[in-house]
Protein backbone atom coordinates (compact mmCIF):
# COMPACT_ATOMS: atom_id res chain seq x y z
CA MET A 1 16.54 8.34 22.19
CA SER A 2 15.67 11.07 24.48
CA LYS A 3 12.03 12.42 24.43
CA VAL A 4 11.20 14.91 21.59
CA VAL A 5 8.39 17.32 22.23
CA ASN A 6 6.72 19.24 19.46
CA LYS A 7 5.33 22.90 19.59
CA GLY A 8 1.93 21.64 21.03
CA GLY A 9 3.63 19.95 23.89
CA LEU A 10 3.11 16.45 22.52
CA ASP A 11 5.78 13.79 22.67
CA ILE A 12 6.68 13.01 19.10
CA THR A 13 9.63 10.58 19.86
CA PRO A 14 7.75 7.64 18.26
CA LEU A 15 7.67 9.70 14.93
CA MET A 16 11.46 9.77 15.05
CA THR A 17 11.90 6.09 14.59
CA ARG A 18 13.81 4.93 11.39
CA PRO A 19 12.60 1.32 10.68
CA ASP A 20 14.38 -0.37 7.71
CA ARG A 21 11.56 -2.75 6.87
CA VAL A 22 7.86 -1.63 6.94
CA ALA A 23 4.51 -3.05 5.94
CA ILE A 24 1.99 -0.59 4.74
CA VAL A 25 -1.44 -2.06 5.15
CA ALA A 26 -4.35 -0.19 3.49
CA LEU A 27 -8.01 -1.44 3.43
CA GLY A 28 -8.47 -2.88 -0.12
CA PRO A 29 -9.11 -6.46 -0.87
CA SER A 30 -5.54 -7.50 -0.87
CA CYS A 31 -5.18 -6.66 2.83
CA GLN A 32 -6.47 -10.22 3.35
CA ALA A 33 -2.86 -11.28 2.29
CA PHE A 34 -1.40 -9.44 5.13
CA ILE A 35 -3.93 -11.01 7.49
CA ARG A 36 -3.15 -14.50 6.23
CA ARG A 37 0.54 -13.96 6.33
CA SER A 38 0.35 -12.60 9.76
CA MET A 39 -0.92 -16.02 10.82
CA SER A 40 1.74 -17.93 9.05
CA ASN A 41 4.82 -19.47 10.52
CA GLU A 42 7.04 -17.19 8.36
CA GLN A 43 5.45 -14.02 9.95
CA LEU A 44 6.07 -15.34 13.43
CA GLY A 45 9.78 -14.04 13.04
CA LYS A 46 8.43 -10.55 12.78
CA PRO A 47 9.71 -9.70 9.20
CA TYR A 48 8.80 -6.10 9.62
CA VAL A 49 10.27 -3.71 11.95
CA GLU A 50 6.97 -1.66 11.86
CA VAL A 51 3.50 -2.17 10.58
CA TRP A 52 1.64 1.09 9.35
CA THR A 53 -2.00 1.29 8.67
CA LEU A 54 -4.55 4.12 7.90
CA ASN A 55 -7.83 5.40 9.04
CA ARG A 56 -10.11 2.71 10.41
CA GLY A 57 -7.36 0.11 10.11
CA PHE A 58 -6.61 0.76 13.66
CA ALA A 59 -9.51 -1.47 14.61
CA GLY A 60 -8.50 -4.49 12.82
CA ILE A 61 -4.70 -4.24 11.89
CA GLN A 62 -2.05 -4.65 14.65
CA HIS A 63 0.20 -1.67 13.90
CA ASP A 64 3.04 0.65 15.06
CA LYS A 65 1.80 3.66 13.33
CA LEU A 66 -1.54 5.05 12.26
CA PHE A 67 -1.99 7.55 9.32
CA VAL A 68 -5.11 9.70 9.28
CA MET A 69 -4.47 12.58 6.90
CA ASP A 70 -8.00 14.03 7.33
CA ASP A 71 -8.10 16.93 9.92
CA LEU A 72 -9.12 15.34 13.08
CA THR A 73 -11.49 18.21 14.11
CA TRP A 74 -13.15 17.86 10.74
CA ILE A 75 -13.75 14.23 11.35
CA ARG A 76 -15.26 15.09 14.79
CA ASP A 77 -17.41 17.82 13.59
CA HIS A 78 -18.34 16.94 10.17
CA LYS A 79 -17.87 13.11 9.51
CA ASN A 80 -17.99 10.79 12.38
CA LYS A 81 -17.74 11.84 16.09
CA ALA A 82 -17.59 8.36 17.45
CA TYR A 83 -14.57 7.55 15.08
CA ALA A 84 -12.92 10.72 16.29
CA GLU A 85 -13.55 9.80 19.99
CA TRP A 86 -11.90 6.39 19.27
CA LEU A 87 -8.91 8.11 17.93
CA GLN A 88 -8.65 10.26 20.96
CA LYS A 89 -8.29 7.03 23.18
CA HIS A 90 -5.73 5.44 20.58
CA ASP A 91 -2.56 4.52 22.26
CA ARG A 92 -0.17 4.46 19.12
CA PRO A 93 1.24 7.35 17.12
CA ILE A 94 -1.31 9.05 14.81
CA ILE A 95 0.41 10.78 11.85
CA THR A 96 -2.01 13.40 10.63
CA SER A 97 -2.15 16.66 8.95
CA THR A 98 -2.45 18.78 12.13
CA ALA A 99 -1.86 17.57 15.65
CA TYR A 100 -4.24 18.61 18.47
CA PRO A 101 -3.86 18.20 22.23
CA GLU A 102 -7.37 16.56 22.31
CA TRP A 103 -5.73 13.76 20.45
CA PRO A 104 -2.76 12.98 22.73
CA THR A 105 -1.01 10.79 20.30
CA SER A 106 -1.35 12.86 17.24
CA MET A 107 1.75 14.04 15.31
CA ALA A 108 1.89 16.45 12.36
CA TYR A 109 3.12 14.87 9.18
CA PRO A 110 6.41 16.56 8.15
CA LEU A 111 4.77 17.99 4.86
CA LYS A 112 7.30 20.77 4.13
CA GLU A 113 10.21 18.51 4.71
CA VAL A 114 8.87 15.67 2.65
CA VAL A 115 7.92 18.12 -0.35
CA GLU A 116 11.40 19.56 -0.32
CA PHE A 117 13.04 16.01 -0.19
CA HIS A 118 11.00 14.73 -3.10
CA GLU A 119 10.91 18.19 -5.02
CA ASP A 120 7.37 17.20 -5.91
CA ASP A 121 3.96 17.08 -4.16
CA ILE A 122 2.37 14.37 -6.27
CA PHE A 123 2.21 12.15 -3.14
CA ALA A 124 -0.24 14.62 -1.56
CA ILE A 125 -3.15 12.87 -3.36
CA ASN A 126 -4.19 10.22 -0.94
CA THR A 127 -2.95 8.61 2.37
CA VAL A 128 -1.05 5.62 0.97
CA ALA A 129 1.09 7.83 -1.22
CA TYR A 130 1.73 10.13 1.82
CA MET A 131 2.90 6.89 3.61
CA VAL A 132 5.13 5.80 0.73
CA ALA A 133 6.62 9.32 0.51
CA TYR A 134 7.35 9.29 4.18
CA ALA A 135 8.93 5.92 4.21
CA ILE A 136 11.36 7.07 1.39
CA PHE A 137 11.99 10.42 3.36
CA ILE A 138 13.08 8.56 6.66
CA GLY A 139 15.23 5.89 4.83
CA VAL A 140 13.18 2.70 4.91
CA LYS A 141 15.00 0.05 2.84
CA GLU A 142 12.04 -2.50 2.25
CA ILE A 143 8.42 -1.67 1.86
CA ALA A 144 5.67 -4.29 1.51
CA ILE A 145 2.29 -2.85 0.54
CA TYR A 146 -1.11 -4.58 1.07
CA GLY A 147 -4.58 -3.41 0.45
CA ALA A 148 -3.70 -0.51 -1.84
CA ASP A 149 -5.46 -1.78 -4.87
CA PHE A 150 -7.34 1.18 -6.44
CA MET A 151 -9.04 -0.71 -9.20
CA TYR A 152 -11.19 -3.94 -8.97
CA PRO A 153 -11.29 -6.25 -12.15
CA GLY A 154 -13.85 -8.91 -12.62
CA GLY A 155 -16.93 -6.80 -13.51
CA HIS A 156 -16.28 -3.83 -11.31
CA SER A 157 -15.57 -0.66 -13.25
CA GLU A 158 -14.79 1.55 -10.25
CA VAL A 159 -11.27 2.89 -10.08
CA GLU A 160 -10.27 4.72 -6.93
CA GLU A 161 -8.18 7.99 -7.11
CA GLY A 162 -4.66 7.92 -6.12
CA GLY A 163 -3.26 4.91 -7.65
CA GLN A 164 -1.07 6.78 -10.10
CA ALA A 165 0.42 8.86 -7.25
CA VAL A 166 1.33 5.55 -5.33
CA ALA A 167 2.83 3.92 -8.46
CA TYR A 168 4.86 7.06 -9.09
CA MET A 169 6.15 6.91 -5.61
CA LEU A 170 7.12 3.18 -5.92
CA GLY A 171 9.14 4.17 -9.08
CA ARG A 172 10.84 6.69 -6.86
CA CYS A 173 11.72 3.73 -4.46
CA ARG A 174 13.71 2.13 -7.30
CA GLN A 175 15.54 5.40 -7.56
CA TYR A 176 16.66 5.27 -3.93
CA GLY A 177 17.44 1.50 -3.95
CA ILE A 178 14.43 0.68 -1.89
CA VAL A 179 12.93 -2.75 -2.40
CA HIS A 180 9.06 -2.85 -2.68
CA THR A 181 6.91 -5.96 -2.74
CA LEU A 182 3.15 -6.57 -3.38
CA PRO A 183 0.83 -9.40 -2.93
CA GLY A 184 -0.26 -11.34 -5.98
CA GLU A 185 -3.89 -10.38 -5.36
CA SER A 186 -3.24 -6.64 -5.63
CA THR A 187 -4.04 -4.70 -8.80
CA LEU A 188 -1.37 -2.04 -7.89
CA LEU A 189 1.17 -2.16 -10.67
CA TYR A 190 -0.80 -5.00 -12.10
CA ALA A 191 0.64 -7.38 -9.51
CA HIS A 192 -2.23 -9.79 -10.02
CA LYS A 193 -1.10 -10.34 -13.62
CA VAL A 194 2.31 -11.69 -12.58
CA GLN A 195 2.66 -15.29 -13.42
CA LYS A 196 5.09 -17.85 -14.81
CA GLN A 197 5.71 -17.18 -18.34
CA PRO A 198 6.48 -19.79 -21.19
CA ASP A 199 10.16 -18.83 -21.02
CA GLY A 200 10.32 -19.63 -17.28
CA ARG A 201 10.35 -16.09 -15.98
CA LEU A 202 8.08 -14.82 -13.44
CA GLY A 203 6.47 -11.73 -14.69
CA ARG A 204 3.74 -10.01 -16.66
CA GLU A 205 2.74 -11.05 -20.17
CA PHE A 206 4.18 -8.75 -22.79
CA TYR A 207 1.36 -7.04 -24.63
CA GLY A 208 1.36 -7.41 -28.33
CA TYR A 209 3.76 -10.45 -28.21
CA HIS A 210 0.87 -12.49 -26.74
CA ARG A 211 -0.82 -12.43 -30.07
CA LEU A 212 1.57 -15.07 -31.44
CA THR A 213 0.58 -17.37 -28.63
CA GLU A 214 -3.09 -16.69 -29.32
CA MET A 215 -2.66 -17.44 -32.95
CA ALA A 216 -0.67 -20.59 -32.31
CA ALA A 217 -3.54 -21.81 -29.91
CA GLU A 218 -6.12 -21.06 -32.50
CA ARG A 219 -4.22 -23.13 -34.98
CA GLU A 220 -3.95 -25.98 -32.75
CA GLN A 221 -7.65 -25.82 -31.96
CA GLU A 222 -8.61 -25.82 -35.71
CA LYS A 223 -6.26 -28.77 -36.25
CA ALA A 224 -7.84 -30.59 -33.34
CA ARG A 225 -11.35 -29.75 -34.77
CA LYS A 226 -10.41 -31.12 -38.29
CA LYS A 227 -9.10 -34.33 -36.81
CA ARG A 228 -12.23 -34.99 -34.76
CA GLN A 229 -14.30 -34.20 -37.93
CA LYS A 230 -12.25 -36.64 -40.00
CA GLU A 231 -12.45 -39.46 -37.41
CA THR A 232 -16.28 -39.19 -37.48
CA LEU A 233 -16.57 -39.65 -41.31
């Protein structure tokens, strides 16, 4: 591919790539699954054409593209100057809201084109949703998502904003015939509730129907209790 230069004089050729298999690695707890799989034998064959991460993921995740949707000058002037300076030295494409010459690898997210493609702006809620919307837009065929968890069961009541937008965009993936996968640790789409069911299928328990199983277990427990009681007489 010949070099493509944007209006600011920046080379945006890397943005024009069209990978068919992508791993999106956010920074929630289930990103650990990506790290473990990256060290496994199955990953040595490079199952993903590209790995995309976001924000400070550049410091720990080997990646091909970095998405930072916060304005880079805002990060420098109002959030964390050292973080902004690290981004200025980054040697991979930084997909962001506005590209600046001070960040030589920054490239503007094609917002207008993506909104028109989806006929919706629901993805413009958080960075992971932006990433999924962009993946659909460029024709990715397989998307694996790690670290996009948004809610944390087990005593944590916090729910991060944006999970509904990502879930909606994954529904759009089905519309376009795109396969998406999630690690079993992720709470996105309740992937952490997927397990082998009594009928042998791998999936989530059907709410409401599980009451029959609960009542059957209670009857068995009561029967066992009465048997023990009788044996002690």
